[in-house]
């Protein structure tokens, strides 16, 4: 019987792919969990190195981080 890799419980409950609730710091590469989803214009602080970033969203759902 073939494995059905589309029946992953985590992916089923994850909702929209654009609703990211974490980010990898561009400076130190540390993963930072967030309480709310990333949004265009949001200011972020890396919990590890202390760098601050401004989030810029693009039309294709990707995010870029500009150092403040």
PDB file of N, CA and C in Angstrom:
ATOM      1  N   UNK A   1       0.846  -1.181   0.000  1.00  0.00           N
ATOM      2  CA  UNK A   1       0.000   0.000   0.000  1.00  0.00           C
ATOM      3  C   UNK A   1       0.889   1.241   0.000  1.00  0.00           C
ATOM      4  N   UNK A   2       0.731   2.170  -0.944  1.00  0.00           N
ATOM      5  CA  UNK A   2       1.575   3.370  -1.006  1.00  0.00           C
ATOM      6  C   UNK A   2       1.264   4.319   0.150  1.00  0.00           C
ATOM      7  N   UNK A   3       2.289   5.011   0.581  1.00  0.00           N
ATOM      8  CA  UNK A   3       2.122   5.998   1.642  1.00  0.00           C
ATOM      9  C   UNK A   3       1.463   7.254   1.086  1.00  0.00           C
ATOM     10  N   UNK A   4       0.526   7.785   1.810  1.00  0.00           N
ATOM     11  CA  UNK A   4      -0.141   9.019   1.401  1.00  0.00           C
ATOM     12  C   UNK A   4       0.485  10.162   2.197  1.00  0.00           C
ATOM     13  N   UNK A   5       1.492  10.810   1.613  1.00  0.00           N
ATOM     14  CA  UNK A   5       2.205  11.858   2.333  1.00  0.00           C
ATOM     15  C   UNK A   5       1.414  13.163   2.433  1.00  0.00           C
ATOM     16  N   UNK A   6       0.220  13.211   1.887  1.00  0.00           N
ATOM     17  CA  UNK A   6      -0.606  14.404   1.993  1.00  0.00           C
ATOM     18  C   UNK A   6      -1.492  14.392   3.233  1.00  0.00           C
ATOM     19  N   UNK A   7      -1.469  13.338   3.988  1.00  0.00           N
ATOM     20  CA  UNK A   7      -2.290  13.232   5.184  1.00  0.00           C
ATOM     21  C   UNK A   7      -1.521  13.620   6.444  1.00  0.00           C
ATOM     22  N   UNK A   8      -0.641  14.563   6.351  1.00  0.00           N
ATOM     23  CA  UNK A   8       0.120  15.039   7.502  1.00  0.00           C
ATOM     24  C   UNK A   8      -0.771  15.939   8.345  1.00  0.00           C
ATOM     25  N   UNK A   9      -0.979  15.576   9.607  1.00  0.00           N
ATOM     26  CA  UNK A   9      -1.872  16.339  10.481  1.00  0.00           C
ATOM     27  C   UNK A   9      -1.400  17.778  10.672  1.00  0.00           C
ATOM     28  N   UNK A  10      -0.091  18.009  10.767  1.00  0.00           N
ATOM     29  CA  UNK A  10       0.427  19.363  10.961  1.00  0.00           C
ATOM     30  C   UNK A  10       0.105  20.259   9.781  1.00  0.00           C
ATOM     31  N   UNK A  11       0.262  19.748   8.571  1.00  0.00           N
ATOM     32  CA  UNK A  11      -0.014  20.557   7.382  1.00  0.00           C
ATOM     33  C   UNK A  11      -1.502  20.811   7.226  1.00  0.00           C
ATOM     34  N   UNK A  12      -2.320  19.857   7.608  1.00  0.00           N
ATOM     35  CA  UNK A  12      -3.761  20.002   7.475  1.00  0.00           C
ATOM     36  C   UNK A  12      -4.273  21.132   8.352  1.00  0.00           C
ATOM     37  N   UNK A  13      -3.703  21.300   9.553  1.00  0.00           N
ATOM     38  CA  UNK A  13      -4.151  22.323  10.490  1.00  0.00           C
ATOM     39  C   UNK A  13      -3.400  23.635  10.373  1.00  0.00           C
ATOM     40  N   UNK A  14      -2.425  23.723   9.482  1.00  0.00           N
ATOM     41  CA  UNK A  14      -1.567  24.903   9.439  1.00  0.00           C
ATOM     42  C   UNK A  14      -2.236  26.123   8.828  1.00  0.00           C
ATOM     43  N   UNK A  15      -3.322  25.947   8.074  1.00  0.00           N
ATOM     44  CA  UNK A  15      -4.021  27.087   7.491  1.00  0.00           C
ATOM     45  C   UNK A  15      -3.285  27.628   6.284  1.00  0.00           C
ATOM     46  N   UNK A  16      -3.363  28.931   6.069  1.00  0.00           N
ATOM     47  CA  UNK A  16      -2.753  29.581   4.916  1.00  0.00           C
ATOM     48  C   UNK A  16      -1.237  29.557   5.002  1.00  0.00           C
ATOM     49  N   UNK A  17      -0.611  29.291   3.863  1.00  0.00           N
ATOM     50  CA  UNK A  17       0.847  29.273   3.819  1.00  0.00           C
ATOM     51  C   UNK A  17       1.424  30.671   4.005  1.00  0.00           C
ATOM     52  N   UNK A  18       0.649  31.717   3.701  1.00  0.00           N
ATOM     53  CA  UNK A  18       1.158  33.076   3.828  1.00  0.00           C
ATOM     54  C   UNK A  18       1.113  33.584   5.272  1.00  0.00           C
ATOM     55  N   UNK A  19       0.476  32.849   6.161  1.00  0.00           N
ATOM     56  CA  UNK A  19       0.362  33.266   7.554  1.00  0.00           C
ATOM     57  C   UNK A  19       1.538  32.708   8.355  1.00  0.00           C
ATOM     58  N   UNK A  20       2.724  33.202   8.079  1.00  0.00           N
ATOM     59  CA  UNK A  20       3.920  32.733   8.772  1.00  0.00           C
ATOM     60  C   UNK A  20       3.971  33.309  10.169  1.00  0.00           C
ATOM     61  N   UNK A  21       4.266  32.463  11.137  1.00  0.00           N
ATOM     62  CA  UNK A  21       4.363  32.893  12.524  1.00  0.00           C
ATOM     63  C   UNK A  21       5.766  32.688  13.067  1.00  0.00           C
ATOM     64  N   UNK A  22       6.740  32.843  12.196  1.00  0.00           N
ATOM     65  CA  UNK A  22       8.142  32.814  12.607  1.00  0.00           C
ATOM     66  C   UNK A  22       8.977  33.451  11.506  1.00  0.00           C
ATOM     67  N   UNK A  23      10.219  33.796  11.835  1.00  0.00           N
ATOM     68  CA  UNK A  23      11.132  34.313  10.818  1.00  0.00           C
ATOM     69  C   UNK A  23      12.555  33.933  11.195  1.00  0.00           C
ATOM     70  N   UNK A  24      13.388  33.778  10.178  1.00  0.00           N
ATOM     71  CA  UNK A  24      14.810  33.531  10.381  1.00  0.00           C
ATOM     72  C   UNK A  24      15.534  34.859  10.256  1.00  0.00           C
ATOM     73  N   UNK A  25      16.281  35.215  11.289  1.00  0.00           N
ATOM     74  CA  UNK A  25      16.997  36.489  11.308  1.00  0.00           C
ATOM     75  C   UNK A  25      18.016  36.537  10.176  1.00  0.00           C
ATOM     76  N   UNK A  26      18.001  37.594   9.357  1.00  0.00           N
ATOM     77  CA  UNK A  26      18.984  37.721   8.280  1.00  0.00           C
ATOM     78  C   UNK A  26      20.413  37.923   8.797  1.00  0.00           C
ATOM     79  N   UNK A  27      20.578  38.389  10.029  1.00  0.00           N
ATOM     80  CA  UNK A  27      21.908  38.644  10.584  1.00  0.00           C
ATOM     81  C   UNK A  27      22.542  37.393  11.198  1.00  0.00           C
ATOM     82  N   UNK A  28      21.791  36.682  12.060  1.00  0.00           N
ATOM     83  CA  UNK A  28      22.377  35.560  12.798  1.00  0.00           C
ATOM     84  C   UNK A  28      21.747  34.208  12.446  1.00  0.00           C
ATOM     85  N   UNK A  29      20.753  34.197  11.564  1.00  0.00           N
ATOM     86  CA  UNK A  29      20.061  32.985  11.102  1.00  0.00           C
ATOM     87  C   UNK A  29      19.266  32.267  12.183  1.00  0.00           C
ATOM     88  N   UNK A  30      19.037  32.882  13.325  1.00  0.00           N
ATOM     89  CA  UNK A  30      18.252  32.260  14.385  1.00  0.00           C
ATOM     90  C   UNK A  30      16.767  32.298  14.020  1.00  0.00           C
ATOM     91  N   UNK A  31      16.048  31.239  14.345  1.00  0.00           N
ATOM     92  CA  UNK A  31      14.615  31.192  14.116  1.00  0.00           C
ATOM     93  C   UNK A  31      13.916  31.872  15.289  1.00  0.00           C
ATOM     94  N   UNK A  32      13.034  32.812  14.978  1.00  0.00           N
ATOM     95  CA  UNK A  32      12.307  33.575  15.982  1.00  0.00           C
ATOM     96  C   UNK A  32      10.815  33.304  15.851  1.00  0.00           C
ATOM     97  N   UNK A  33      10.196  32.661  16.832  1.00  0.00           N
ATOM     98  CA  UNK A  33       8.742  32.460  16.786  1.00  0.00           C
ATOM     99  C   UNK A  33       8.006  33.768  17.080  1.00  0.00           C
ATOM    100  N   UNK A  34       6.820  33.917  16.503  1.00  0.00           N
ATOM    101  CA  UNK A  34       5.993  35.106  16.686  1.00  0.00           C
ATOM    102  C   UNK A  34       4.605  34.705  17.167  1.00  0.00           C
ATOM    103  N   UNK A  35       3.954  35.570  17.922  1.00  0.00           N
ATOM    104  CA  UNK A  35       2.583  35.297  18.344  1.00  0.00           C
ATOM    105  C   UNK A  35       1.602  35.549  17.205  1.00  0.00           C
ATOM    106  N   UNK A  36       1.833  36.608  16.417  1.00  0.00           N
ATOM    107  CA  UNK A  36       0.960  36.953  15.296  1.00  0.00           C
ATOM    108  C   UNK A  36       1.696  36.698  13.987  1.00  0.00           C
ATOM    109  N   UNK A  37       0.942  36.545  12.918  1.00  0.00           N
ATOM    110  CA  UNK A  37       1.527  36.316  11.599  1.00  0.00           C
ATOM    111  C   UNK A  37       2.280  37.555  11.114  1.00  0.00           C
ATOM    112  N   UNK A  38       3.296  37.321  10.286  1.00  0.00           N
ATOM    113  CA  UNK A  38       4.052  38.426   9.693  1.00  0.00           C
ATOM    114  C   UNK A  38       3.126  39.298   8.850  1.00  0.00           C
ATOM    115  N   UNK A  39       3.356  40.611   8.876  1.00  0.00           N
ATOM    116  CA  UNK A  39       2.550  41.546   8.105  1.00  0.00           C
ATOM    117  C   UNK A  39       3.457  42.623   7.520  1.00  0.00           C
ATOM    118  N   UNK A  40       3.069  43.147   6.361  1.00  0.00           N
ATOM    119  CA  UNK A  40       3.819  44.213   5.712  1.00  0.00           C
ATOM    120  C   UNK A  40       3.850  45.436   6.622  1.00  0.00           C
ATOM    121  N   UNK A  41       5.032  46.022   6.823  1.00  0.00           N
ATOM    122  CA  UNK A  41       5.185  47.208   7.643  1.00  0.00           C
ATOM    123  C   UNK A  41       5.449  46.922   9.110  1.00  0.00           C
ATOM    124  N   UNK A  42       5.447  45.662   9.486  1.00  0.00           N
ATOM    125  CA  UNK A  42       5.680  45.275  10.877  1.00  0.00           C
ATOM    126  C   UNK A  42       7.157  45.449  11.231  1.00  0.00           C
ATOM    127  N   UNK A  43       7.432  45.883  12.448  1.00  0.00           N
ATOM    128  CA  UNK A  43       8.806  45.972  12.942  1.00  0.00           C
ATOM    129  C   UNK A  43       9.083  44.765  13.828  1.00  0.00           C
ATOM    130  N   UNK A  44      10.235  44.131  13.606  1.00  0.00           N
ATOM    131  CA  UNK A  44      10.604  42.927  14.340  1.00  0.00           C
ATOM    132  C   UNK A  44      11.928  43.120  15.052  1.00  0.00           C
ATOM    133  N   UNK A  45      12.098  42.387  16.128  1.00  0.00           N
ATOM    134  CA  UNK A  45      13.340  42.372  16.880  1.00  0.00           C
ATOM    135  C   UNK A  45      13.784  40.929  16.993  1.00  0.00           C
ATOM    136  N   UNK A  46      15.032  40.636  16.635  1.00  0.00           N
ATOM    137  CA  UNK A  46      15.571  39.294  16.800  1.00  0.00           C
ATOM    138  C   UNK A  46      15.806  39.050  18.287  1.00  0.00           C
ATOM    139  N   UNK A  47      15.262  37.959  18.790  1.00  0.00           N
ATOM    140  CA  UNK A  47      15.386  37.629  20.207  1.00  0.00           C
ATOM    141  C   UNK A  47      16.791  37.160  20.583  1.00  0.00           C
ATOM    142  N   UNK A  48      17.648  36.916  19.596  1.00  0.00           N
ATOM    143  CA  UNK A  48      18.976  36.379  19.865  1.00  0.00           C
ATOM    144  C   UNK A  48      20.077  37.420  19.725  1.00  0.00           C
ATOM    145  N   UNK A  49      20.131  38.122  18.585  1.00  0.00           N
ATOM    146  CA  UNK A  49      21.210  39.086  18.374  1.00  0.00           C
ATOM    147  C   UNK A  49      20.783  40.531  18.620  1.00  0.00           C
ATOM    148  N   UNK A  50      19.463  40.791  18.728  1.00  0.00           N
ATOM    149  CA  UNK A  50      18.971  42.131  19.025  1.00  0.00           C
ATOM    150  C   UNK A  50      18.804  43.030  17.812  1.00  0.00           C
ATOM    151  N   UNK A  51      19.013  42.521  16.602  1.00  0.00           N
ATOM    152  CA  UNK A  51      18.840  43.330  15.392  1.00  0.00           C
ATOM    153  C   UNK A  51      17.360  43.636  15.171  1.00  0.00           C
ATOM    154  N   UNK A  52      17.089  44.835  14.628  1.00  0.00           N
ATOM    155  CA  UNK A  52      15.720  45.249  14.344  1.00  0.00           C
ATOM    156  C   UNK A  52      15.506  45.296  12.840  1.00  0.00           C
ATOM    157  N   UNK A  53      14.306  44.880  12.414  1.00  0.00           N
ATOM    158  CA  UNK A  53      13.983  44.807  10.991  1.00  0.00           C
ATOM    159  C   UNK A  53      12.597  45.352  10.716  1.00  0.00           C
ATOM    160  N   UNK A  54      12.419  45.847   9.486  1.00  0.00           N
ATOM    161  CA  UNK A  54      11.125  46.253   8.975  1.00  0.00           C
ATOM    162  C   UNK A  54      10.724  45.221   7.933  1.00  0.00           C
ATOM    163  N   UNK A  55       9.512  44.677   8.033  1.00  0.00           N
ATOM    164  CA  UNK A  55       9.028  43.645   7.120  1.00  0.00           C
ATOM    165  C   UNK A  55       8.428  44.304   5.891  1.00  0.00           C
ATOM    166  N   UNK A  56       8.827  43.823   4.724  1.00  0.00           N
ATOM    167  CA  UNK A  56       8.251  44.270   3.451  1.00  0.00           C
ATOM    168  C   UNK A  56       7.685  43.048   2.751  1.00  0.00           C
ATOM    169  N   UNK A  57       6.368  43.049   2.507  1.00  0.00           N
ATOM    170  CA  UNK A  57       5.711  41.946   1.822  1.00  0.00           C
ATOM    171  C   UNK A  57       5.674  42.191   0.326  1.00  0.00           C
ATOM    172  N   UNK A  58       5.767  41.112  -0.443  1.00  0.00           N
ATOM    173  CA  UNK A  58       5.676  41.224  -1.895  1.00  0.00           C
ATOM    174  C   UNK A  58       4.377  40.584  -2.375  1.00  0.00           C
ATOM    175  N   UNK A  59       4.050  40.791  -3.637  1.00  0.00           N
ATOM    176  CA  UNK A  59       2.803  40.275  -4.197  1.00  0.00           C
ATOM    177  C   UNK A  59       2.755  38.754  -4.223  1.00  0.00           C
ATOM    178  N   UNK A  60       3.920  38.104  -4.271  1.00  0.00           N
ATOM    179  CA  UNK A  60       3.941  36.640  -4.342  1.00  0.00           C
ATOM    180  C   UNK A  60       3.939  35.982  -2.967  1.00  0.00           C
ATOM    181  N   UNK A  61       3.731  36.759  -1.896  1.00  0.00           N
ATOM    182  CA  UNK A  61       3.624  36.208  -0.560  1.00  0.00           C
ATOM    183  C   UNK A  61       4.932  36.065   0.195  1.00  0.00           C
ATOM    184  N   UNK A  62       6.021  36.528  -0.390  1.00  0.00           N
ATOM    185  CA  UNK A  62       7.318  36.459   0.283  1.00  0.00           C
ATOM    186  C   UNK A  62       7.556  37.719   1.096  1.00  0.00           C
ATOM    187  N   UNK A  63       8.435  37.587   2.087  1.00  0.00           N
ATOM    188  CA  UNK A  63       8.768  38.723   2.938  1.00  0.00           C
ATOM    189  C   UNK A  63      10.247  39.033   2.846  1.00  0.00           C
ATOM    190  N   UNK A  64      10.573  40.330   2.856  1.00  0.00           N
ATOM    191  CA  UNK A  64      11.948  40.783   2.894  1.00  0.00           C
ATOM    192  C   UNK A  64      12.115  41.595   4.180  1.00  0.00           C
ATOM    193  N   UNK A  65      13.319  41.580   4.718  1.00  0.00           N
ATOM    194  CA  UNK A  65      13.585  42.271   5.972  1.00  0.00           C
ATOM    195  C   UNK A  65      14.631  43.354   5.752  1.00  0.00           C
ATOM    196  N   UNK A  66      14.268  44.597   6.097  1.00  0.00           N
ATOM    197  CA  UNK A  66      15.182  45.722   5.976  1.00  0.00           C
ATOM    198  C   UNK A  66      15.680  46.080   7.367  1.00  0.00           C
ATOM    199  N   UNK A  67      17.008  46.172   7.520  1.00  0.00           N
ATOM    200  CA  UNK A  67      17.600  46.500   8.822  1.00  0.00           C
ATOM    201  C   UNK A  67      17.272  47.937   9.194  1.00  0.00           C
ATOM    202  N   UNK A  68      16.845  48.135  10.428  1.00  0.00           N
ATOM    203  CA  UNK A  68      16.542  49.488  10.918  1.00  0.00           C
ATOM    204  C   UNK A  68      17.741  50.076  11.613  1.00  0.00           C
TER     205      UNK A  68
END
